[in-house]
Amino acid sequence: MKTRFDEFLEFPCRFPFKVVGYTDPALIDEVVAVLQQHVPGDYSPTSKDSGKGTYQSITVDVNVESKEQVEKLYQALSEIEKVRMVL
């Protein structure tokens, strides 16, 4: 991944990840499990369902240490089966 996070952010910092996936009660737990593998911590994600209820978005703030860590988290979160995109 060739991103420019390091040009715009000063690390370490809090970084919000928004994960959009198919609505499933287990999706929040799966997102937090991936985050715990890479950046253990106490997470309080928020969730919002789409208008028709097909999708849900999960937002969670993570303390990140580097551009590489942000890229790794984007990759790991996007590999969750129910996830459609990570913003």
C-alpha atoms as a PDB file:
ATOM      1  CA  MET A   1       0.000   0.000   0.000  1.00  0.00           C
ATOM      2  CA  LYS A   2       1.404   3.388  -0.933  1.00  0.00           C
ATOM      3  CA  THR A   3      -0.413   5.836   1.302  1.00  0.00           C
ATOM      4  CA  ARG A   4       0.517   9.301   2.514  1.00  0.00           C
ATOM      5  CA  PHE A   5      -0.743   9.102   6.095  1.00  0.00           C
ATOM      6  CA  ASP A   6       2.672  10.111   7.390  1.00  0.00           C
ATOM      7  CA  GLU A   7       2.430  13.407   5.476  1.00  0.00           C
ATOM      8  CA  PHE A   8      -0.814  14.399   7.206  1.00  0.00           C
ATOM      9  CA  LEU A   9      -0.656  12.787  10.640  1.00  0.00           C
ATOM     10  CA  GLU A  10       1.739  13.042  13.528  1.00  0.00           C
ATOM     11  CA  PHE A  11       2.233   9.615  15.111  1.00  0.00           C
ATOM     12  CA  PRO A  12       1.275   8.324  17.587  1.00  0.00           C
ATOM     13  CA  CYS A  13      -2.334   9.486  17.278  1.00  0.00           C
ATOM     14  CA  ARG A  14      -5.982   8.410  17.530  1.00  0.00           C
ATOM     15  CA  PHE A  15      -7.248   7.256  14.151  1.00  0.00           C
ATOM     16  CA  PRO A  16     -10.934   6.574  13.398  1.00  0.00           C
ATOM     17  CA  PHE A  17     -11.693   3.476  11.336  1.00  0.00           C
ATOM     18  CA  LYS A  18     -15.124   3.095   9.768  1.00  0.00           C
ATOM     19  CA  VAL A  19     -15.988  -0.446   8.710  1.00  0.00           C
ATOM     20  CA  VAL A  20     -19.027  -1.017   6.493  1.00  0.00           C
ATOM     21  CA  GLY A  21     -20.408  -4.523   6.154  1.00  0.00           C
ATOM     22  CA  TYR A  22     -23.509  -6.640   5.932  1.00  0.00           C
ATOM     23  CA  THR A  23     -25.695  -6.307   9.016  1.00  0.00           C
ATOM     24  CA  ASP A  24     -24.804  -9.059  11.465  1.00  0.00           C
ATOM     25  CA  PRO A  25     -24.776  -8.943  15.268  1.00  0.00           C
ATOM     26  CA  ALA A  26     -21.351 -10.636  15.246  1.00  0.00           C
ATOM     27  CA  LEU A  27     -19.687  -8.053  12.990  1.00  0.00           C
ATOM     28  CA  ILE A  28     -18.792  -5.685  15.831  1.00  0.00           C
ATOM     29  CA  ASP A  29     -17.136  -8.548  17.727  1.00  0.00           C
ATOM     30  CA  GLU A  30     -15.197  -9.588  14.615  1.00  0.00           C
ATOM     31  CA  VAL A  31     -13.938  -6.039  14.062  1.00  0.00           C
ATOM     32  CA  VAL A  32     -12.844  -5.703  17.694  1.00  0.00           C
ATOM     33  CA  ALA A  33     -11.160  -9.143  17.561  1.00  0.00           C
ATOM     34  CA  VAL A  34      -9.052  -8.051  14.577  1.00  0.00           C
ATOM     35  CA  LEU A  35      -8.127  -4.807  16.317  1.00  0.00           C
ATOM     36  CA  GLN A  36      -7.163  -6.715  19.484  1.00  0.00           C
ATOM     37  CA  GLN A  37      -4.808  -8.922  17.451  1.00  0.00           C
ATOM     38  CA  HIS A  38      -2.915  -5.929  16.092  1.00  0.00           C
ATOM     39  CA  VAL A  39      -3.401  -3.184  18.704  1.00  0.00           C
ATOM     40  CA  PRO A  40      -4.667  -4.545  22.035  1.00  0.00           C
ATOM     41  CA  GLY A  41      -6.805  -2.046  23.878  1.00  0.00           C
ATOM     42  CA  ASP A  42     -10.176  -1.129  25.303  1.00  0.00           C
ATOM     43  CA  TYR A  43     -12.458  -0.320  22.355  1.00  0.00           C
ATOM     44  CA  SER A  44     -15.927   1.243  22.352  1.00  0.00           C
ATOM     45  CA  PRO A  45     -17.181   0.957  18.776  1.00  0.00           C
ATOM     46  CA  THR A  46     -20.368   2.658  17.642  1.00  0.00           C
ATOM     47  CA  SER A  47     -22.697   1.115  15.094  1.00  0.00           C
ATOM     48  CA  LYS A  48     -25.360   2.424  12.768  1.00  0.00           C
ATOM     49  CA  ASP A  49     -27.628   0.456  10.424  1.00  0.00           C
ATOM     50  CA  SER A  50     -28.389   1.582   6.892  1.00  0.00           C
ATOM     51  CA  GLY A  51     -31.878   2.815   6.027  1.00  0.00           C
ATOM     52  CA  LYS A  52     -33.000  -0.577   4.718  1.00  0.00           C
ATOM     53  CA  GLY A  53     -31.027  -2.497   7.327  1.00  0.00           C
ATOM     54  CA  THR A  54     -28.879  -4.374   4.803  1.00  0.00           C
ATOM     55  CA  TYR A  55     -25.617  -2.805   5.941  1.00  0.00           C
ATOM     56  CA  GLN A  56     -24.153  -1.468   9.143  1.00  0.00           C
ATOM     57  CA  SER A  57     -21.259   0.881   9.740  1.00  0.00           C
ATOM     58  CA  ILE A  58     -18.988   0.465  12.715  1.00  0.00           C
ATOM     59  CA  THR A  59     -16.748   3.306  13.821  1.00  0.00           C
ATOM     60  CA  VAL A  60     -13.914   2.796  16.262  1.00  0.00           C
ATOM     61  CA  ASP A  61     -10.999   5.008  17.321  1.00  0.00           C
ATOM     62  CA  VAL A  62      -7.623   3.301  17.546  1.00  0.00           C
ATOM     63  CA  ASN A  63      -4.319   4.573  18.941  1.00  0.00           C
ATOM     64  CA  VAL A  64      -1.903   4.007  16.072  1.00  0.00           C
ATOM     65  CA  GLU A  65       1.868   4.285  16.154  1.00  0.00           C
ATOM     66  CA  SER A  66       2.827   4.483  12.471  1.00  0.00           C
ATOM     67  CA  LYS A  67       1.722   4.668   8.846  1.00  0.00           C
ATOM     68  CA  GLU A  68       2.560   0.976   8.486  1.00  0.00           C
ATOM     69  CA  GLN A  69       0.271   0.099  11.381  1.00  0.00           C
ATOM     70  CA  VAL A  70      -2.627   2.025   9.796  1.00  0.00           C
ATOM     71  CA  GLU A  71      -2.063   0.211   6.489  1.00  0.00           C
ATOM     72  CA  LYS A  72      -1.902  -3.178   8.234  1.00  0.00           C
ATOM     73  CA  LEU A  73      -5.186  -2.467  10.056  1.00  0.00           C
ATOM     74  CA  TYR A  74      -6.920  -1.436   6.825  1.00  0.00           C
ATOM     75  CA  GLN A  75      -5.788  -4.701   5.240  1.00  0.00           C
ATOM     76  CA  ALA A  76      -6.756  -6.893   8.203  1.00  0.00           C
ATOM     77  CA  LEU A  77     -10.189  -5.285   8.628  1.00  0.00           C
ATOM     78  CA  SER A  78     -10.957  -5.588   4.916  1.00  0.00           C
ATOM     79  CA  GLU A  79     -10.283  -9.344   5.101  1.00  0.00           C
ATOM     80  CA  ILE A  80     -13.296  -9.920   7.393  1.00  0.00           C
ATOM     81  CA  GLU A  81     -15.801 -11.843   5.270  1.00  0.00           C
ATOM     82  CA  LYS A  82     -18.844  -9.629   5.960  1.00  0.00           C
ATOM     83  CA  VAL A  83     -16.944  -6.369   5.378  1.00  0.00           C
ATOM     84  CA  ARG A  84     -17.597  -4.467   2.147  1.00  0.00           C
ATOM     85  CA  MET A  85     -15.283  -1.486   2.756  1.00  0.00           C
ATOM     86  CA  VAL A  86     -13.033   0.146   5.318  1.00  0.00           C
ATOM     87  CA  LEU A  87     -12.812   3.935   5.449  1.00  0.00           C
END
